[in-house]
Amino acid sequence: MGIHVSDAPHRAPRPIAVWILGTLSAVHAAGALVFVAGGRTPANELEGFVMGTTAAVLLVGAVLSYGLVRLRAELRATTPPR
């Protein structure tokens, strides 16, 4: 019913992992585009495919990370204090 000294201040969680994973995904996607568009050998095209797949996985990780941060914030907001 009041403010207790032991209560930690609540601030909105920041999805830092989203920015990191999103940036890595963009870098991998750009690299994949360079390798696939300029691939003169099958090895270059395969490397572009692998980097494109990695970019997709990183992007999915960023979306899931953002969703989990938002879910945690919503659960924390709706949970009554003990």
C-alpha atoms as a PDB file:
ATOM      1  CA  MET A   1       0.000   0.000   0.000  1.00  0.00           C
ATOM      2  CA  GLY A   2       2.985   2.290   0.060  1.00  0.00           C
ATOM      3  CA  ILE A   3       6.457   2.741  -1.244  1.00  0.00           C
ATOM      4  CA  HIS A   4       8.936   0.457   0.425  1.00  0.00           C
ATOM      5  CA  VAL A   5      12.652   1.085   0.502  1.00  0.00           C
ATOM      6  CA  SER A   6      13.366  -2.433  -0.700  1.00  0.00           C
ATOM      7  CA  ASP A   7      11.348  -1.985  -3.914  1.00  0.00           C
ATOM      8  CA  ALA A   8      13.575  -1.549  -6.923  1.00  0.00           C
ATOM      9  CA  PRO A   9      12.549   1.194  -9.327  1.00  0.00           C
ATOM     10  CA  HIS A  10      10.846  -0.216 -12.402  1.00  0.00           C
ATOM     11  CA  ARG A  11      11.927   1.061 -15.754  1.00  0.00           C
ATOM     12  CA  ALA A  12      10.928  -0.138 -19.149  1.00  0.00           C
ATOM     13  CA  PRO A  13      13.219  -2.907 -20.395  1.00  0.00           C
ATOM     14  CA  ARG A  14      15.315  -1.988 -23.374  1.00  0.00           C
ATOM     15  CA  PRO A  15      15.621  -4.558 -26.150  1.00  0.00           C
ATOM     16  CA  ILE A  16      19.381  -4.180 -26.701  1.00  0.00           C
ATOM     17  CA  ALA A  17      19.675  -7.617 -28.320  1.00  0.00           C
ATOM     18  CA  VAL A  18      17.231  -6.540 -31.017  1.00  0.00           C
ATOM     19  CA  TRP A  19      19.559  -3.784 -32.194  1.00  0.00           C
ATOM     20  CA  ILE A  20      22.607  -6.053 -32.109  1.00  0.00           C
ATOM     21  CA  LEU A  21      20.919  -8.953 -33.912  1.00  0.00           C
ATOM     22  CA  GLY A  22      19.275  -6.613 -36.421  1.00  0.00           C
ATOM     23  CA  THR A  23      22.589  -4.959 -37.260  1.00  0.00           C
ATOM     24  CA  LEU A  24      24.341  -8.313 -37.652  1.00  0.00           C
ATOM     25  CA  SER A  25      21.489  -9.503 -39.849  1.00  0.00           C
ATOM     26  CA  ALA A  26      21.827  -6.447 -42.097  1.00  0.00           C
ATOM     27  CA  VAL A  27      25.594  -6.925 -42.406  1.00  0.00           C
ATOM     28  CA  HIS A  28      25.174 -10.602 -43.267  1.00  0.00           C
ATOM     29  CA  ALA A  29      22.435  -9.820 -45.781  1.00  0.00           C
ATOM     30  CA  ALA A  30      24.633  -7.241 -47.513  1.00  0.00           C
ATOM     31  CA  GLY A  31      27.528  -9.694 -47.613  1.00  0.00           C
ATOM     32  CA  ALA A  32      25.269 -12.405 -48.987  1.00  0.00           C
ATOM     33  CA  LEU A  33      24.049 -10.079 -51.714  1.00  0.00           C
ATOM     34  CA  VAL A  34      27.633  -9.267 -52.710  1.00  0.00           C
ATOM     35  CA  PHE A  35      28.622 -12.923 -52.841  1.00  0.00           C
ATOM     36  CA  VAL A  36      25.536 -14.062 -54.737  1.00  0.00           C
ATOM     37  CA  ALA A  37      25.443 -11.163 -57.213  1.00  0.00           C
ATOM     38  CA  GLY A  38      29.170 -11.225 -57.871  1.00  0.00           C
ATOM     39  CA  GLY A  39      29.677 -14.949 -57.435  1.00  0.00           C
ATOM     40  CA  ARG A  40      31.801 -16.300 -60.208  1.00  0.00           C
ATOM     41  CA  THR A  41      32.278 -19.705 -58.686  1.00  0.00           C
ATOM     42  CA  PRO A  42      29.882 -22.118 -57.045  1.00  0.00           C
ATOM     43  CA  ALA A  43      31.809 -21.676 -53.795  1.00  0.00           C
ATOM     44  CA  ASN A  44      31.014 -17.938 -53.778  1.00  0.00           C
ATOM     45  CA  GLU A  45      27.354 -18.654 -54.421  1.00  0.00           C
ATOM     46  CA  LEU A  46      27.306 -21.235 -51.650  1.00  0.00           C
ATOM     47  CA  GLU A  47      28.933 -18.755 -49.278  1.00  0.00           C
ATOM     48  CA  GLY A  48      26.300 -16.186 -50.215  1.00  0.00           C
ATOM     49  CA  PHE A  49      23.567 -18.723 -49.549  1.00  0.00           C
ATOM     50  CA  VAL A  50      25.014 -19.567 -46.131  1.00  0.00           C
ATOM     51  CA  MET A  51      25.353 -15.892 -45.227  1.00  0.00           C
ATOM     52  CA  GLY A  52      21.783 -15.233 -46.382  1.00  0.00           C
ATOM     53  CA  THR A  53      20.538 -18.093 -44.236  1.00  0.00           C
ATOM     54  CA  THR A  54      22.501 -16.732 -41.287  1.00  0.00           C
ATOM     55  CA  ALA A  55      20.982 -13.298 -41.869  1.00  0.00           C
ATOM     56  CA  ALA A  56      17.499 -14.811 -41.800  1.00  0.00           C
ATOM     57  CA  VAL A  57      18.224 -16.677 -38.560  1.00  0.00           C
ATOM     58  CA  LEU A  58      19.611 -13.519 -36.956  1.00  0.00           C
ATOM     59  CA  LEU A  59      16.525 -11.569 -38.018  1.00  0.00           C
ATOM     60  CA  VAL A  60      14.231 -14.211 -36.525  1.00  0.00           C
ATOM     61  CA  GLY A  61      16.281 -14.019 -33.328  1.00  0.00           C
ATOM     62  CA  ALA A  62      15.848 -10.253 -33.246  1.00  0.00           C
ATOM     63  CA  VAL A  63      12.084 -10.532 -33.656  1.00  0.00           C
ATOM     64  CA  LEU A  64      11.835 -13.203 -30.957  1.00  0.00           C
ATOM     65  CA  SER A  65      14.043 -11.186 -28.629  1.00  0.00           C
ATOM     66  CA  TYR A  66      11.864  -8.126 -29.064  1.00  0.00           C
ATOM     67  CA  GLY A  67       8.736 -10.172 -28.466  1.00  0.00           C
ATOM     68  CA  LEU A  68      10.153 -11.714 -25.298  1.00  0.00           C
ATOM     69  CA  VAL A  69      11.182  -8.311 -23.932  1.00  0.00           C
ATOM     70  CA  ARG A  70       7.701  -6.935 -24.591  1.00  0.00           C
ATOM     71  CA  LEU A  71       6.073 -10.019 -23.065  1.00  0.00           C
ATOM     72  CA  ARG A  72       8.230  -9.737 -19.962  1.00  0.00           C
ATOM     73  CA  ALA A  73       7.325  -6.057 -19.619  1.00  0.00           C
ATOM     74  CA  GLU A  74       3.616  -6.840 -19.949  1.00  0.00           C
ATOM     75  CA  LEU A  75       3.810  -9.659 -17.415  1.00  0.00           C
ATOM     76  CA  ARG A  76       5.719  -7.473 -14.998  1.00  0.00           C
ATOM     77  CA  ALA A  77       3.162  -4.689 -15.391  1.00  0.00           C
ATOM     78  CA  THR A  78       0.196  -6.989 -14.721  1.00  0.00           C
ATOM     79  CA  THR A  79       1.716  -8.955 -11.835  1.00  0.00           C
ATOM     80  CA  PRO A  80       0.634  -7.537  -8.478  1.00  0.00           C
ATOM     81  CA  PRO A  81       3.436  -6.666  -6.052  1.00  0.00           C
ATOM     82  CA  ARG A  82       4.109  -9.152  -3.262  1.00  0.00           C
END
